[in-house]
């Protein structure tokens, strides 16, 4: 007898090719879902940061314009307001 023959009649389980391919397909699908979810989450977070940045830029611009209008005895925004609402006479 050669060294590769089992001595106690042990049989080995060999997985079929379709079974291996189906496991591989499931693995790829699950990995794709996880990567897709992470990409969507990162995109939403990036959009929120961008919107906040634009809002801060607009707020700073409104403050600067208000300072320019203050020289002409007129307010474009209400300086005491937390949300920088337009002054009442600005819309007229």
PDB file of N, CA and C in Angstrom:
ATOM      1  N   UNK A   1       0.819  -1.179   0.000  1.00  0.00           N
ATOM      2  CA  UNK A   1       0.000   0.000   0.000  1.00  0.00           C
ATOM      3  C   UNK A   1       0.865   1.245   0.000  1.00  0.00           C
ATOM      4  N   UNK A   2       0.336   2.263  -0.696  1.00  0.00           N
ATOM      5  CA  UNK A   2       1.078   3.511  -0.694  1.00  0.00           C
ATOM      6  C   UNK A   2       0.617   4.390   0.479  1.00  0.00           C
ATOM      7  N   UNK A   3       1.307   5.497   0.701  1.00  0.00           N
ATOM      8  CA  UNK A   3       1.035   6.344   1.873  1.00  0.00           C
ATOM      9  C   UNK A   3      -0.245   7.172   1.732  1.00  0.00           C
ATOM     10  N   UNK A   4      -0.800   7.306   0.529  1.00  0.00           N
ATOM     11  CA  UNK A   4      -1.961   8.157   0.321  1.00  0.00           C
ATOM     12  C   UNK A   4      -3.292   7.423   0.450  1.00  0.00           C
ATOM     13  N   UNK A   5      -3.296   6.163   0.619  1.00  0.00           N
ATOM     14  CA  UNK A   5      -4.514   5.386   0.754  1.00  0.00           C
ATOM     15  C   UNK A   5      -4.919   5.347   2.223  1.00  0.00           C
ATOM     16  N   UNK A   6      -6.191   5.726   2.514  1.00  0.00           N
ATOM     17  CA  UNK A   6      -6.614   5.674   3.920  1.00  0.00           C
ATOM     18  C   UNK A   6      -6.634   4.240   4.422  1.00  0.00           C
ATOM     19  N   UNK A   7      -6.152   4.073   5.614  1.00  0.00           N
ATOM     20  CA  UNK A   7      -6.019   2.732   6.172  1.00  0.00           C
ATOM     21  C   UNK A   7      -7.300   2.248   6.846  1.00  0.00           C
ATOM     22  N   UNK A   8      -8.175   3.213   7.241  1.00  0.00           N
ATOM     23  CA  UNK A   8      -9.372   2.800   7.959  1.00  0.00           C
ATOM     24  C   UNK A   8     -10.652   3.055   7.140  1.00  0.00           C
ATOM     25  N   UNK A   9     -10.534   3.079   5.837  1.00  0.00           N
ATOM     26  CA  UNK A   9     -11.653   3.270   4.909  1.00  0.00           C
ATOM     27  C   UNK A   9     -12.400   4.593   5.143  1.00  0.00           C
ATOM     28  N   UNK A  10     -11.661   5.643   5.415  1.00  0.00           N
ATOM     29  CA  UNK A  10     -12.238   6.973   5.608  1.00  0.00           C
ATOM     30  C   UNK A  10     -12.604   7.553   4.250  1.00  0.00           C
ATOM     31  N   UNK A  11     -13.812   8.106   4.151  1.00  0.00           N
ATOM     32  CA  UNK A  11     -14.208   8.767   2.914  1.00  0.00           C
ATOM     33  C   UNK A  11     -14.215  10.272   3.156  1.00  0.00           C
ATOM     34  N   UNK A  12     -13.767  10.999   2.178  1.00  0.00           N
ATOM     35  CA  UNK A  12     -13.680  12.447   2.282  1.00  0.00           C
ATOM     36  C   UNK A  12     -14.830  13.088   1.518  1.00  0.00           C
ATOM     37  N   UNK A  13     -15.382  14.143   2.087  1.00  0.00           N
ATOM     38  CA  UNK A  13     -16.476  14.871   1.464  1.00  0.00           C
ATOM     39  C   UNK A  13     -15.880  15.895   0.512  1.00  0.00           C
ATOM     40  N   UNK A  14     -16.248  15.800  -0.749  1.00  0.00           N
ATOM     41  CA  UNK A  14     -15.793  16.743  -1.767  1.00  0.00           C
ATOM     42  C   UNK A  14     -16.997  17.557  -2.199  1.00  0.00           C
ATOM     43  N   UNK A  15     -16.860  18.882  -2.081  1.00  0.00           N
ATOM     44  CA  UNK A  15     -17.971  19.778  -2.412  1.00  0.00           C
ATOM     45  C   UNK A  15     -18.105  19.895  -3.928  1.00  0.00           C
ATOM     46  N   UNK A  16     -19.328  19.896  -4.406  1.00  0.00           N
ATOM     47  CA  UNK A  16     -19.546  19.983  -5.848  1.00  0.00           C
ATOM     48  C   UNK A  16     -19.309  21.421  -6.321  1.00  0.00           C
ATOM     49  N   UNK A  17     -19.049  21.560  -7.611  1.00  0.00           N
ATOM     50  CA  UNK A  17     -18.767  22.869  -8.204  1.00  0.00           C
ATOM     51  C   UNK A  17     -19.980  23.799  -8.089  1.00  0.00           C
ATOM     52  N   UNK A  18     -21.213  23.359  -8.392  1.00  0.00           N
ATOM     53  CA  UNK A  18     -22.359  24.273  -8.237  1.00  0.00           C
ATOM     54  C   UNK A  18     -22.531  24.767  -6.799  1.00  0.00           C
ATOM     55  N   UNK A  19     -22.247  23.899  -5.846  1.00  0.00           N
ATOM     56  CA  UNK A  19     -22.356  24.307  -4.444  1.00  0.00           C
ATOM     57  C   UNK A  19     -21.315  25.377  -4.113  1.00  0.00           C
ATOM     58  N   UNK A  20     -20.117  25.200  -4.594  1.00  0.00           N
ATOM     59  CA  UNK A  20     -19.068  26.200  -4.374  1.00  0.00           C
ATOM     60  C   UNK A  20     -19.426  27.522  -5.046  1.00  0.00           C
ATOM     61  N   UNK A  21     -19.941  27.448  -6.280  1.00  0.00           N
ATOM     62  CA  UNK A  21     -20.307  28.672  -6.987  1.00  0.00           C
ATOM     63  C   UNK A  21     -21.449  29.402  -6.306  1.00  0.00           C
ATOM     64  N   UNK A  22     -22.407  28.671  -5.772  1.00  0.00           N
ATOM     65  CA  UNK A  22     -23.519  29.327  -5.096  1.00  0.00           C
ATOM     66  C   UNK A  22     -23.044  30.003  -3.809  1.00  0.00           C
ATOM     67  N   UNK A  23     -22.142  29.392  -3.076  1.00  0.00           N
ATOM     68  CA  UNK A  23     -21.589  30.015  -1.874  1.00  0.00           C
ATOM     69  C   UNK A  23     -20.790  31.266  -2.246  1.00  0.00           C
ATOM     70  N   UNK A  24     -20.048  31.193  -3.324  1.00  0.00           N
ATOM     71  CA  UNK A  24     -19.258  32.337  -3.780  1.00  0.00           C
ATOM     72  C   UNK A  24     -20.173  33.481  -4.221  1.00  0.00           C
ATOM     73  N   UNK A  25     -21.270  33.143  -4.907  1.00  0.00           N
ATOM     74  CA  UNK A  25     -22.219  34.164  -5.348  1.00  0.00           C
ATOM     75  C   UNK A  25     -22.874  34.845  -4.151  1.00  0.00           C
ATOM     76  N   UNK A  26     -23.246  34.071  -3.139  1.00  0.00           N
ATOM     77  CA  UNK A  26     -23.816  34.664  -1.927  1.00  0.00           C
ATOM     78  C   UNK A  26     -22.818  35.573  -1.232  1.00  0.00           C
ATOM     79  N   UNK A  27     -21.584  35.151  -1.172  1.00  0.00           N
ATOM     80  CA  UNK A  27     -20.542  35.958  -0.538  1.00  0.00           C
ATOM     81  C   UNK A  27     -20.363  37.280  -1.270  1.00  0.00           C
ATOM     82  N   UNK A  28     -20.332  37.244  -2.592  1.00  0.00           N
ATOM     83  CA  UNK A  28     -20.191  38.467  -3.390  1.00  0.00           C
ATOM     84  C   UNK A  28     -21.409  39.368  -3.206  1.00  0.00           C
ATOM     85  N   UNK A  29     -22.610  38.794  -3.173  1.00  0.00           N
ATOM     86  CA  UNK A  29     -23.829  39.588  -3.003  1.00  0.00           C
ATOM     87  C   UNK A  29     -23.857  40.279  -1.641  1.00  0.00           C
ATOM     88  N   UNK A  30     -23.493  39.575  -0.603  1.00  0.00           N
ATOM     89  CA  UNK A  30     -23.480  40.163   0.742  1.00  0.00           C
ATOM     90  C   UNK A  30     -22.415  41.248   0.840  1.00  0.00           C
ATOM     91  N   UNK A  31     -21.250  41.008   0.281  1.00  0.00           N
ATOM     92  CA  UNK A  31     -20.195  42.023   0.288  1.00  0.00           C
ATOM     93  C   UNK A  31     -20.637  43.259  -0.493  1.00  0.00           C
ATOM     94  N   UNK A  32     -21.313  43.056  -1.614  1.00  0.00           N
ATOM     95  CA  UNK A  32     -21.815  44.182  -2.405  1.00  0.00           C
ATOM     96  C   UNK A  32     -22.844  44.996  -1.642  1.00  0.00           C
ATOM     97  N   UNK A  33     -23.735  44.337  -0.923  1.00  0.00           N
ATOM     98  CA  UNK A  33     -24.731  45.044  -0.120  1.00  0.00           C
ATOM     99  C   UNK A  33     -24.079  45.867   0.985  1.00  0.00           C
ATOM    100  N   UNK A  34     -23.084  45.294   1.629  1.00  0.00           N
ATOM    101  CA  UNK A  34     -22.397  46.013   2.710  1.00  0.00           C
ATOM    102  C   UNK A  34     -21.659  47.225   2.148  1.00  0.00           C
ATOM    103  N   UNK A  35     -20.945  47.044   1.065  1.00  0.00           N
ATOM    104  CA  UNK A  35     -20.207  48.155   0.449  1.00  0.00           C
ATOM    105  C   UNK A  35     -21.180  49.223  -0.058  1.00  0.00           C
ATOM    106  N   UNK A  36     -22.298  48.812  -0.647  1.00  0.00           N
ATOM    107  CA  UNK A  36     -23.300  49.764  -1.113  1.00  0.00           C
ATOM    108  C   UNK A  36     -23.901  50.573   0.030  1.00  0.00           C
ATOM    109  N   UNK A  37     -24.201  49.910   1.140  1.00  0.00           N
ATOM    110  CA  UNK A  37     -24.760  50.613   2.300  1.00  0.00           C
ATOM    111  C   UNK A  37     -23.767  51.636   2.847  1.00  0.00           C
ATOM    112  N   UNK A  38     -22.502  51.264   2.907  1.00  0.00           N
ATOM    113  CA  UNK A  38     -21.477  52.192   3.385  1.00  0.00           C
ATOM    114  C   UNK A  38     -21.345  53.379   2.430  1.00  0.00           C
ATOM    115  N   UNK A  39     -21.406  53.134   1.138  1.00  0.00           N
ATOM    116  CA  UNK A  39     -21.295  54.217   0.156  1.00  0.00           C
ATOM    117  C   UNK A  39     -22.481  55.176   0.260  1.00  0.00           C
ATOM    118  N   UNK A  40     -23.678  54.650   0.428  1.00  0.00           N
ATOM    119  CA  UNK A  40     -24.863  55.508   0.573  1.00  0.00           C
ATOM    120  C   UNK A  40     -24.766  56.329   1.858  1.00  0.00           C
ATOM    121  N   UNK A  41     -24.361  55.701   2.952  1.00  0.00           N
ATOM    122  CA  UNK A  41     -24.216  56.404   4.227  1.00  0.00           C
ATOM    123  C   UNK A  41     -23.182  57.520   4.116  1.00  0.00           C
ATOM    124  N   UNK A  42     -22.072  57.261   3.451  1.00  0.00           N
ATOM    125  CA  UNK A  42     -21.030  58.280   3.287  1.00  0.00           C
ATOM    126  C   UNK A  42     -21.531  59.418   2.396  1.00  0.00           C
ATOM    127  N   UNK A  43     -22.288  59.091   1.357  1.00  0.00           N
ATOM    128  CA  UNK A  43     -22.827  60.123   0.476  1.00  0.00           C
ATOM    129  C   UNK A  43     -23.816  61.029   1.184  1.00  0.00           C
ATOM    130  N   UNK A  44     -24.671  60.458   2.015  1.00  0.00           N
ATOM    131  CA  UNK A  44     -25.638  61.257   2.767  1.00  0.00           C
ATOM    132  C   UNK A  44     -24.911  62.166   3.743  1.00  0.00           C
ATOM    133  N   UNK A  45     -23.919  61.643   4.432  1.00  0.00           N
ATOM    134  CA  UNK A  45     -23.147  62.458   5.374  1.00  0.00           C
ATOM    135  C   UNK A  45     -22.411  63.579   4.679  1.00  0.00           C
ATOM    136  N   UNK A  46     -21.870  63.292   3.509  1.00  0.00           N
ATOM    137  CA  UNK A  46     -21.157  64.304   2.742  1.00  0.00           C
ATOM    138  C   UNK A  46     -22.102  65.403   2.289  1.00  0.00           C
ATOM    139  N   UNK A  47     -23.296  65.040   1.854  1.00  0.00           N
ATOM    140  CA  UNK A  47     -24.292  66.029   1.443  1.00  0.00           C
ATOM    141  C   UNK A  47     -24.728  66.914   2.598  1.00  0.00           C
ATOM    142  N   UNK A  48     -24.875  66.326   3.782  1.00  0.00           N
ATOM    143  CA  UNK A  48     -25.275  67.106   4.951  1.00  0.00           C
ATOM    144  C   UNK A  48     -24.180  68.101   5.335  1.00  0.00           C
ATOM    145  N   UNK A  49     -22.932  67.668   5.285  1.00  0.00           N
ATOM    146  CA  UNK A  49     -21.824  68.573   5.602  1.00  0.00           C
ATOM    147  C   UNK A  49     -21.748  69.705   4.589  1.00  0.00           C
ATOM    148  N   UNK A  50     -21.970  69.395   3.339  1.00  0.00           N
ATOM    149  CA  UNK A  50     -21.946  70.419   2.295  1.00  0.00           C
ATOM    150  C   UNK A  50     -23.071  71.431   2.495  1.00  0.00           C
ATOM    151  N   UNK A  51     -24.263  70.964   2.826  1.00  0.00           N
ATOM    152  CA  UNK A  51     -25.396  71.873   3.057  1.00  0.00           C
ATOM    153  C   UNK A  51     -25.132  72.775   4.252  1.00  0.00           C
ATOM    154  N   UNK A  52     -24.566  72.226   5.309  1.00  0.00           N
ATOM    155  CA  UNK A  52     -24.245  73.028   6.478  1.00  0.00           C
ATOM    156  C   UNK A  52     -23.199  74.089   6.145  1.00  0.00           C
ATOM    157  N   UNK A  53     -22.223  73.720   5.362  1.00  0.00           N
ATOM    158  CA  UNK A  53     -21.186  74.666   4.947  1.00  0.00           C
ATOM    159  C   UNK A  53     -21.781  75.804   4.136  1.00  0.00           C
ATOM    160  N   UNK A  54     -22.686  75.482   3.211  1.00  0.00           N
ATOM    161  CA  UNK A  54     -23.330  76.514   2.400  1.00  0.00           C
ATOM    162  C   UNK A  54     -24.195  77.433   3.272  1.00  0.00           C
ATOM    163  N   UNK A  55     -24.884  76.850   4.243  1.00  0.00           N
ATOM    164  CA  UNK A  55     -25.723  77.658   5.128  1.00  0.00           C
ATOM    165  C   UNK A  55     -24.867  78.621   5.955  1.00  0.00           C
ATOM    166  N   UNK A  56     -23.728  78.157   6.422  1.00  0.00           N
ATOM    167  CA  UNK A  56     -22.832  79.038   7.181  1.00  0.00           C
ATOM    168  C   UNK A  56     -22.290  80.147   6.292  1.00  0.00           C
ATOM    169  N   UNK A  57     -21.971  79.834   5.041  1.00  0.00           N
ATOM    170  CA  UNK A  57     -21.489  80.853   4.115  1.00  0.00           C
ATOM    171  C   UNK A  57     -22.556  81.919   3.868  1.00  0.00           C
ATOM    172  N   UNK A  58     -23.806  81.496   3.721  1.00  0.00           N
ATOM    173  CA  UNK A  58     -24.895  82.440   3.497  1.00  0.00           C
ATOM    174  C   UNK A  58     -25.088  83.325   4.727  1.00  0.00           C
ATOM    175  N   UNK A  59     -24.982  82.730   5.898  1.00  0.00           N
ATOM    176  CA  UNK A  59     -25.138  83.484   7.141  1.00  0.00           C
ATOM    177  C   UNK A  59     -24.056  84.553   7.258  1.00  0.00           C
ATOM    178  N   UNK A  60     -22.823  84.194   6.952  1.00  0.00           N
ATOM    179  CA  UNK A  60     -21.723  85.165   7.009  1.00  0.00           C
ATOM    180  C   UNK A  60     -21.931  86.262   5.973  1.00  0.00           C
ATOM    181  N   UNK A  61     -22.374  85.903   4.782  1.00  0.00           N
ATOM    182  CA  UNK A  61     -22.620  86.896   3.740  1.00  0.00           C
ATOM    183  C   UNK A  61     -23.726  87.865   4.160  1.00  0.00           C
ATOM    184  N   UNK A  62     -24.783  87.354   4.790  1.00  0.00           N
ATOM    185  CA  UNK A  62     -25.857  88.221   5.259  1.00  0.00           C
ATOM    186  C   UNK A  62     -25.362  89.179   6.337  1.00  0.00           C
ATOM    187  N   UNK A  63     -24.496  88.708   7.212  1.00  0.00           N
ATOM    188  CA  UNK A  63     -23.944  89.585   8.244  1.00  0.00           C
ATOM    189  C   UNK A  63     -23.102  90.690   7.611  1.00  0.00           C
ATOM    190  N   UNK A  64     -22.309  90.352   6.612  1.00  0.00           N
ATOM    191  CA  UNK A  64     -21.484  91.367   5.957  1.00  0.00           C
ATOM    192  C   UNK A  64     -22.340  92.386   5.210  1.00  0.00           C
ATOM    193  N   UNK A  65     -23.381  91.922   4.546  1.00  0.00           N
ATOM    194  CA  UNK A  65     -24.272  92.845   3.835  1.00  0.00           C
ATOM    195  C   UNK A  65     -24.987  93.750   4.834  1.00  0.00           C
ATOM    196  N   UNK A  66     -25.354  93.183   5.978  1.00  0.00           N
ATOM    197  CA  UNK A  66     -26.013  93.974   7.002  1.00  0.00           C
ATOM    198  C   UNK A  66     -25.095  95.090   7.495  1.00  0.00           C
ATOM    199  N   UNK A  67     -23.818  94.785   7.644  1.00  0.00           N
ATOM    200  CA  UNK A  67     -22.865  95.825   8.059  1.00  0.00           C
ATOM    201  C   UNK A  67     -22.783  96.928   7.007  1.00  0.00           C
ATOM    202  N   UNK A  68     -22.817  96.577   5.738  1.00  0.00           N
ATOM    203  CA  UNK A  68     -22.769  97.582   4.684  1.00  0.00           C
ATOM    204  C   UNK A  68     -24.029  98.456   4.712  1.00  0.00           C
ATOM    205  N   UNK A  69     -25.184  97.850   4.917  1.00  0.00           N
ATOM    206  CA  UNK A  69     -26.433  98.604   4.957  1.00  0.00           C
ATOM    207  C   UNK A  69     -26.535  99.447   6.225  1.00  0.00           C
ATOM    208  N   UNK A  70     -25.860  99.020   7.288  1.00  0.00           N
ATOM    209  CA  UNK A  70     -25.923  99.750   8.543  1.00  0.00           C
ATOM    210  C   UNK A  70     -25.352 101.163   8.364  1.00  0.00           C
ATOM    211  N   UNK A  71     -24.379 101.301   7.477  1.00  0.00           N
ATOM    212  CA  UNK A  71     -23.815 102.614   7.197  1.00  0.00           C
ATOM    213  C   UNK A  71     -24.849 103.545   6.588  1.00  0.00           C
ATOM    214  N   UNK A  72     -25.851 103.039   5.934  1.00  0.00           N
ATOM    215  CA  UNK A  72     -26.902 103.850   5.329  1.00  0.00           C
ATOM    216  C   UNK A  72     -28.131 103.971   6.204  1.00  0.00           C
ATOM    217  N   UNK A  73     -28.018 103.745   7.516  1.00  0.00           N
ATOM    218  CA  UNK A  73     -29.138 103.796   8.478  1.00  0.00           C
ATOM    219  C   UNK A  73     -30.269 102.838   8.123  1.00  0.00           C
ATOM    220  N   UNK A  74     -29.947 101.717   7.595  1.00  0.00           N
ATOM    221  CA  UNK A  74     -30.967 100.737   7.226  1.00  0.00           C
ATOM    222  C   UNK A  74     -30.404  99.341   7.474  1.00  0.00           C
ATOM    223  N   UNK A  75     -31.211  98.458   8.052  1.00  0.00           N
ATOM    224  CA  UNK A  75     -30.795  97.079   8.296  1.00  0.00           C
ATOM    225  C   UNK A  75     -31.405  96.181   7.234  1.00  0.00           C
ATOM    226  N   UNK A  76     -30.614  95.258   6.684  1.00  0.00           N
ATOM    227  CA  UNK A  76     -31.174  94.268   5.768  1.00  0.00           C
ATOM    228  C   UNK A  76     -31.635  93.035   6.547  1.00  0.00           C
ATOM    229  N   UNK A  77     -31.008  92.808   7.701  1.00  0.00           N
ATOM    230  CA  UNK A  77     -31.438  91.714   8.578  1.00  0.00           C
ATOM    231  C   UNK A  77     -31.569  92.265   9.980  1.00  0.00           C
ATOM    232  N   UNK A  78     -32.297  91.583  10.793  1.00  0.00           N
ATOM    233  CA  UNK A  78     -32.489  91.971  12.189  1.00  0.00           C
ATOM    234  C   UNK A  78     -31.290  91.459  12.988  1.00  0.00           C
ATOM    235  N   UNK A  79     -30.388  92.345  13.468  1.00  0.00           N
ATOM    236  CA  UNK A  79     -29.166  91.878  14.122  1.00  0.00           C
ATOM    237  C   UNK A  79     -29.405  91.173  15.450  1.00  0.00           C
ATOM    238  N   UNK A  80     -30.516  91.455  16.112  1.00  0.00           N
ATOM    239  CA  UNK A  80     -30.779  90.822  17.403  1.00  0.00           C
ATOM    240  C   UNK A  80     -31.387  89.429  17.246  1.00  0.00           C
ATOM    241  N   UNK A  81     -31.774  89.061  16.031  1.00  0.00           N
ATOM    242  CA  UNK A  81     -32.421  87.770  15.798  1.00  0.00           C
ATOM    243  C   UNK A  81     -31.375  86.665  15.708  1.00  0.00           C
ATOM    244  N   UNK A  82     -31.663  85.544  16.329  1.00  0.00           N
ATOM    245  CA  UNK A  82     -30.742  84.404  16.285  1.00  0.00           C
ATOM    246  C   UNK A  82     -30.697  83.786  14.888  1.00  0.00           C
ATOM    247  N   UNK A  83     -31.825  83.792  14.179  1.00  0.00           N
ATOM    248  CA  UNK A  83     -31.909  83.161  12.865  1.00  0.00           C
ATOM    249  C   UNK A  83     -31.660  84.126  11.721  1.00  0.00           C
ATOM    250  N   UNK A  84     -31.296  85.368  12.040  1.00  0.00           N
ATOM    251  CA  UNK A  84     -31.028  86.392  11.030  1.00  0.00           C
ATOM    252  C   UNK A  84     -32.210  86.564  10.078  1.00  0.00           C
ATOM    253  N   UNK A  85     -33.364  86.876  10.639  1.00  0.00           N
ATOM    254  CA  UNK A  85     -34.542  87.085   9.806  1.00  0.00           C
ATOM    255  C   UNK A  85     -34.461  88.458   9.143  1.00  0.00           C
ATOM    256  N   UNK A  86     -35.047  88.608   7.958  1.00  0.00           N
ATOM    257  CA  UNK A  86     -35.018  89.915   7.285  1.00  0.00           C
ATOM    258  C   UNK A  86     -35.788  90.949   8.092  1.00  0.00           C
ATOM    259  N   UNK A  87     -35.320  92.172   8.060  1.00  0.00           N
ATOM    260  CA  UNK A  87     -36.011  93.256   8.745  1.00  0.00           C
ATOM    261  C   UNK A  87     -37.336  93.533   8.034  1.00  0.00           C
ATOM    262  N   UNK A  88     -38.280  94.128   8.746  1.00  0.00           N
ATOM    263  CA  UNK A  88     -39.609  94.339   8.202  1.00  0.00           C
ATOM    264  C   UNK A  88     -39.624  95.262   6.989  1.00  0.00           C
ATOM    265  N   UNK A  89     -38.810  96.313   6.985  1.00  0.00           N
ATOM    266  CA  UNK A  89     -38.849  97.255   5.871  1.00  0.00           C
ATOM    267  C   UNK A  89     -38.021  96.799   4.675  1.00  0.00           C
ATOM    268  N   UNK A  90     -37.262  95.729   4.824  1.00  0.00           N
ATOM    269  CA  UNK A  90     -36.426  95.222   3.732  1.00  0.00           C
ATOM    270  C   UNK A  90     -37.280  94.634   2.612  1.00  0.00           C
ATOM    271  N   UNK A  91     -38.383  93.989   2.985  1.00  0.00           N
ATOM    272  CA  UNK A  91     -39.221  93.313   2.007  1.00  0.00           C
ATOM    273  C   UNK A  91     -40.145  94.257   1.263  1.00  0.00           C
ATOM    274  N   UNK A  92     -40.236  95.523   1.682  1.00  0.00           N
ATOM    275  CA  UNK A  92     -41.136  96.483   1.025  1.00  0.00           C
ATOM    276  C   UNK A  92     -40.496  97.107  -0.179  1.00  0.00           C
TER     277      UNK A  92
END
